[in-house]
Structures are given as C-alpha cells and as structure tokens.
Protein backbone atom coordinates (compact mmCIF):
# COMPACT_ATOMS: atom_id res chain seq x y z
CA MET A 1 5.99 -16.55 4.19
CA LEU A 2 5.22 -13.79 1.91
CA ALA A 3 5.40 -14.14 -1.71
CA PRO A 4 8.39 -12.42 -3.16
CA MET A 5 6.46 -9.54 -5.08
CA ILE A 6 4.36 -8.69 -1.88
CA LEU A 7 7.53 -8.46 0.03
CA ARG A 8 9.09 -6.47 -2.58
CA TRP A 9 6.54 -3.84 -2.47
CA LEU A 10 6.63 -3.68 1.21
CA LEU A 11 9.84 -2.82 1.01
CA VAL A 12 9.36 -0.22 -1.37
CA LEU A 13 6.40 1.50 0.76
CA ALA A 14 8.77 1.14 3.93
CA GLY A 15 11.45 2.95 2.17
CA LEU A 16 8.87 5.86 1.04
CA TRP A 17 7.75 5.94 4.67
CA THR A 18 11.41 6.62 5.74
CA VAL A 19 11.86 9.27 3.22
CA THR A 20 8.62 10.76 3.88
CA PHE A 21 9.09 11.22 7.81
CA GLY A 22 12.63 12.13 7.51
CA ALA A 23 11.77 14.93 5.09
CA TRP A 24 13.09 17.69 7.75
CA ALA A 25 16.61 15.97 7.70
CA GLN A 26 19.31 17.75 6.09
CA GLY A 27 21.40 14.76 5.09
CA LYS A 28 24.58 13.20 6.59
CA SER A 29 26.64 13.93 3.47
CA GLU A 30 29.32 16.69 2.98
CA VAL A 31 28.43 18.64 -0.06
CA ARG A 32 31.08 20.86 -2.08
CA LEU A 33 31.20 22.75 -5.23
CA LEU A 34 34.61 22.30 -7.04
CA LEU A 35 35.89 24.13 -10.07
CA ASP A 36 38.76 23.07 -12.13
CA SER A 37 39.64 26.72 -13.08
CA THR A 38 39.98 29.75 -11.06
CA GLY A 39 40.37 32.02 -13.93
CA VAL A 40 38.89 31.81 -17.45
CA LYS A 41 38.85 33.71 -21.00
CA PRO A 42 35.25 35.10 -22.37
CA GLY A 43 34.13 32.42 -24.72
CA SER A 44 35.90 29.34 -22.95
CA ALA A 45 34.52 26.55 -20.66
CA LEU A 46 35.37 24.96 -17.40
CA PHE A 47 34.11 22.15 -15.38
CA ALA A 48 32.31 22.51 -12.13
CA ALA A 49 31.60 19.25 -9.94
CA VAL A 50 29.36 18.61 -7.04
CA GLU A 51 31.06 16.50 -4.74
CA LEU A 52 28.87 14.23 -2.33
CA THR A 53 30.88 12.38 0.53
CA PRO A 54 28.32 10.30 2.64
CA PRO A 55 29.37 8.63 5.96
CA LYS A 56 30.79 5.04 5.54
CA GLY A 57 28.52 2.52 4.60
CA TRP A 58 26.03 5.00 3.03
CA HIS A 59 25.47 5.39 -0.68
CA THR A 60 23.80 8.05 -3.11
CA TYR A 61 21.99 7.31 -6.43
CA TRP A 62 22.76 7.16 -10.19
CA ARG A 63 20.42 8.90 -12.94
CA ALA A 64 18.64 5.67 -13.39
CA PRO A 65 18.22 4.56 -9.45
CA GLY A 66 16.47 1.21 -10.29
CA ASP A 67 13.84 -0.58 -8.07
CA SER A 68 14.13 2.22 -5.55
CA GLY A 69 15.74 5.32 -4.47
CA GLN A 70 16.23 8.87 -6.12
CA ARG A 71 18.94 10.32 -8.30
CA THR A 72 20.83 13.50 -7.03
CA LYS A 73 19.45 16.74 -8.51
CA ILE A 74 21.15 19.96 -9.15
CA GLU A 75 19.25 23.27 -9.58
CA TRP A 76 21.87 25.93 -10.89
CA ASN A 77 21.74 29.70 -9.97
CA LEU A 78 24.01 31.34 -12.56
CA PRO A 79 24.59 34.96 -13.77
CA GLU A 80 24.01 36.11 -17.23
CA GLY A 81 26.69 34.90 -19.78
CA ILE A 82 27.29 31.64 -18.01
CA SER A 83 25.29 28.42 -18.92
CA ALA A 84 25.66 24.79 -17.63
CA GLY A 85 25.36 21.52 -19.51
CA GLU A 86 24.03 18.03 -18.31
CA VAL A 87 25.37 16.31 -15.35
CA LEU A 88 28.12 13.92 -16.48
CA TRP A 89 27.23 10.81 -14.59
CA PRO A 90 30.08 8.45 -13.51
CA VAL A 91 29.53 4.64 -13.86
CA PRO A 92 27.72 3.40 -10.76
CA GLU A 93 27.75 0.11 -8.79
CA ARG A 94 25.05 -2.32 -8.76
CA HIS A 95 23.54 -2.68 -5.38
CA THR A 96 20.91 -5.59 -4.60
CA GLU A 97 19.32 -6.04 -1.28
CA ALA A 98 16.25 -7.93 -0.49
CA GLY A 99 15.28 -8.57 -4.02
CA LEU A 100 15.55 -5.05 -4.95
CA THR A 101 18.37 -3.99 -7.36
CA THR A 102 19.78 -0.07 -7.47
CA TYR A 103 22.52 1.64 -9.20
CA VAL A 104 24.39 3.59 -6.63
CA TYR A 105 27.59 5.37 -5.54
CA GLN A 106 29.18 4.01 -2.51
CA GLY A 107 31.05 6.87 -0.81
CA ARG A 108 32.48 10.00 -2.53
CA VAL A 109 31.12 10.80 -5.91
CA LEU A 110 31.91 14.17 -8.19
CA LEU A 111 29.15 14.82 -10.59
CA PRO A 112 30.78 16.96 -13.39
CA VAL A 113 29.07 19.79 -15.48
CA ARG A 114 30.49 21.83 -18.15
CA PHE A 115 30.13 25.52 -17.86
CA SER A 116 30.21 27.79 -20.93
CA VAL A 117 31.22 31.23 -20.83
CA SER A 118 29.82 34.00 -23.12
CA PRO A 119 32.28 35.53 -25.68
CA ASN A 120 31.52 38.99 -24.71
CA HIS A 121 31.32 38.32 -20.79
CA PRO A 122 32.89 41.24 -18.84
CA ALA A 123 36.02 40.86 -17.04
CA GLY A 124 35.81 40.15 -13.18
CA PRO A 125 34.69 37.46 -10.66
CA VAL A 126 31.88 35.58 -11.18
CA THR A 127 29.83 33.62 -8.50
CA VAL A 128 27.88 30.42 -9.37
CA SER A 129 25.87 28.47 -6.82
CA ALA A 130 23.64 25.51 -6.94
CA ARG A 131 20.90 23.85 -5.03
CA VAL A 132 21.64 20.01 -4.48
CA SER A 133 19.19 17.45 -3.30
CA TRP A 134 19.91 13.73 -2.95
CA LEU A 135 18.86 10.67 -1.14
CA GLU A 136 21.38 8.71 0.83
CA CYS A 137 20.58 5.07 2.21
CA ASP A 138 22.02 2.43 4.78
CA LYS A 139 19.84 0.78 6.69
CA GLU A 140 17.41 3.80 6.40
CA CYS A 141 17.15 6.55 3.63
CA ILE A 142 17.36 10.15 4.46
CA PRO A 143 16.82 13.06 2.07
CA GLY A 144 19.35 15.63 1.82
CA ARG A 145 19.65 19.06 0.61
CA SER A 146 22.06 21.67 0.66
CA THR A 147 23.22 25.02 -1.45
CA VAL A 148 26.97 25.31 -2.49
CA SER A 149 29.04 27.89 -4.11
CA ASP A 150 32.20 29.17 -5.42
CA PHE A 151 33.63 31.79 -7.82
CA PHE A 152 36.14 32.07 -10.62
CA THR A 153 37.37 35.33 -12.66
CA VAL A 154 36.90 36.02 -16.19
CA GLY A 155 39.93 37.61 -17.50
CA VAL A 156 42.77 37.48 -19.98
CA SER A 157 44.17 33.94 -19.26
CA THR A 158 43.07 30.42 -17.93
CA VAL A 159 44.23 29.44 -14.48
CA PRO A 160 43.92 26.15 -13.24
CA SER A 161 42.56 25.56 -9.57
CA PRO A 162 43.87 22.93 -7.19
CA GLN A 163 40.70 20.55 -8.02
CA GLU A 164 41.69 20.65 -11.67
CA ALA A 165 43.33 17.05 -11.20
CA VAL A 166 40.39 15.17 -9.31
CA ILE A 167 37.96 16.74 -11.70
CA GLN A 168 40.02 15.53 -14.83
CA GLU A 169 40.52 12.47 -13.22
CA THR A 170 36.67 12.12 -13.03
CA LEU A 171 36.23 13.05 -16.55
CA ALA A 172 38.72 10.47 -17.71
CA ARG A 173 36.61 7.76 -16.24
CA LEU A 174 33.15 8.60 -17.75
CA PRO A 175 31.58 6.25 -20.18
CA HIS A 176 31.56 7.23 -23.63
CA PRO A 177 29.27 6.14 -26.46
CA ASP A 178 30.71 3.92 -29.22
CA PRO A 179 29.55 5.41 -32.51
CA SER A 180 30.07 2.14 -34.21
CA VAL A 181 27.03 0.69 -32.22
CA ALA A 182 23.63 1.37 -33.05
CA ALA A 183 20.13 -0.10 -31.70
CA SER A 184 16.86 0.37 -33.44
CA ALA A 185 13.56 -0.94 -32.58
CA ALA A 186 9.93 -1.26 -34.33
CA TRP A 187 6.75 -2.89 -34.05
CA GLU A 188 6.78 -6.26 -35.53
CA GLY A 189 3.39 -6.68 -36.03
CA LEU A 190 -0.46 -5.63 -34.95
CA GLY A 191 -1.33 -6.24 -31.37
CA GLU A 192 -3.47 -8.74 -29.86
CA GLY A 193 -5.13 -7.58 -26.64
CA ASP A 194 -2.45 -6.10 -24.22
CA LEU A 195 0.27 -7.69 -26.17
CA ARG A 196 2.02 -6.46 -29.38
CA PRO A 197 5.36 -8.01 -30.85
CA LEU A 198 8.47 -5.81 -30.85
CA PHE A 199 11.41 -6.41 -33.14
CA ARG A 200 14.64 -5.23 -32.02
CA GLY A 201 17.69 -4.77 -34.29
CA TRP A 202 21.45 -4.00 -33.57
C-alpha cells in the first residue's frame, strides 16, 4: 500500500493530467451574466452576477480552492465610465475525497460583482461583457471558458430587472466581517535553523 503522502500527490498529478489533456473542452456548465437593474442613473451602482450551473454531481471552486482545484476567474470588458469591484464569494462547501480537502460550490452558484457608473456618464445603452474561466469536477476535471454579456441603460431612473431578487438573495447570504474581531501575529523570537516561533494574538 502506498504511503498517504505519495497517494495524495499521485491524485493531484492525475488531476493536473486530466486538466492538461482536457484543455480543449469548453466545459459542461451553463454560464449567464445577470444584472439586477435594466436602468440606472449616472453616479449610481448596480450588481452583476456570473451564474454557473454545472450538471448534477459536478462542482466548481471557491476563491481558495484548497488542496486541488482552481477558482473561477472573471475578466471584464467594460466601456469607459463603468468600473467593477471584486468578486463577492458566497460561502462554499467543504469537500473531502481521497484525503484531499477542497472548498467548492455544488451545483448552481452566483458570483456577484458591484458595478459603479460614473457621475458624468452619458445617457444611453451600455453593454458589459466578461470572459469567464473555471474548473468543474466530478470523477474527472474539465476546464471551461465562456464569454457572457448583457446590457443596461443609463438614464433618469433606476429600473429593477427580473433577476434582482435572486441577486439580492445571494448578497444577503454573503459572509460579513465582524469589526469587533481582530487578529495579529508577530515573530516571538529569533530563528533556529529552518524554524522560528510565531506568536499569534486575537
């Protein structure tokens, strides 16, 4: 029987082999770009969300995937006057298999992003698009990529879209930092060889 550490690395290498030789695949997941508004005012904001829906039994990965995997990446193509914030990652599930622990989304997930509209943005339609790349896994892992787009109108009023409710539901479930909790760390002393004691305080 192989030692656990050797088996662990063989599984990681097997996963990399699958990803490398499946690089031509476009993925099995359905991908959409959702917007919570069809109309916004100059100087305001709206939320977009990349929706990933893999087949039953497949999963995609959180921003810190764990022992293996790859997080979903979003590359925005935005017109002048529109800027995008960071991805707001929902809480993942912990997934352990063959000694490897990863943090994943089982099934459909929305990855929200806040868009800001410049105060002097002219009125009219605005098209936004993104190149999305992800890794989806079940018994095998397949890299996926897709380009998604949608549009909204800059005008005199804010108009909610049919997707507003599902985006707001996702935003309501996001983790929020507790300002009363703070962590700090410092070296406790000089190092000896490859070791150096670390003091951690809360």
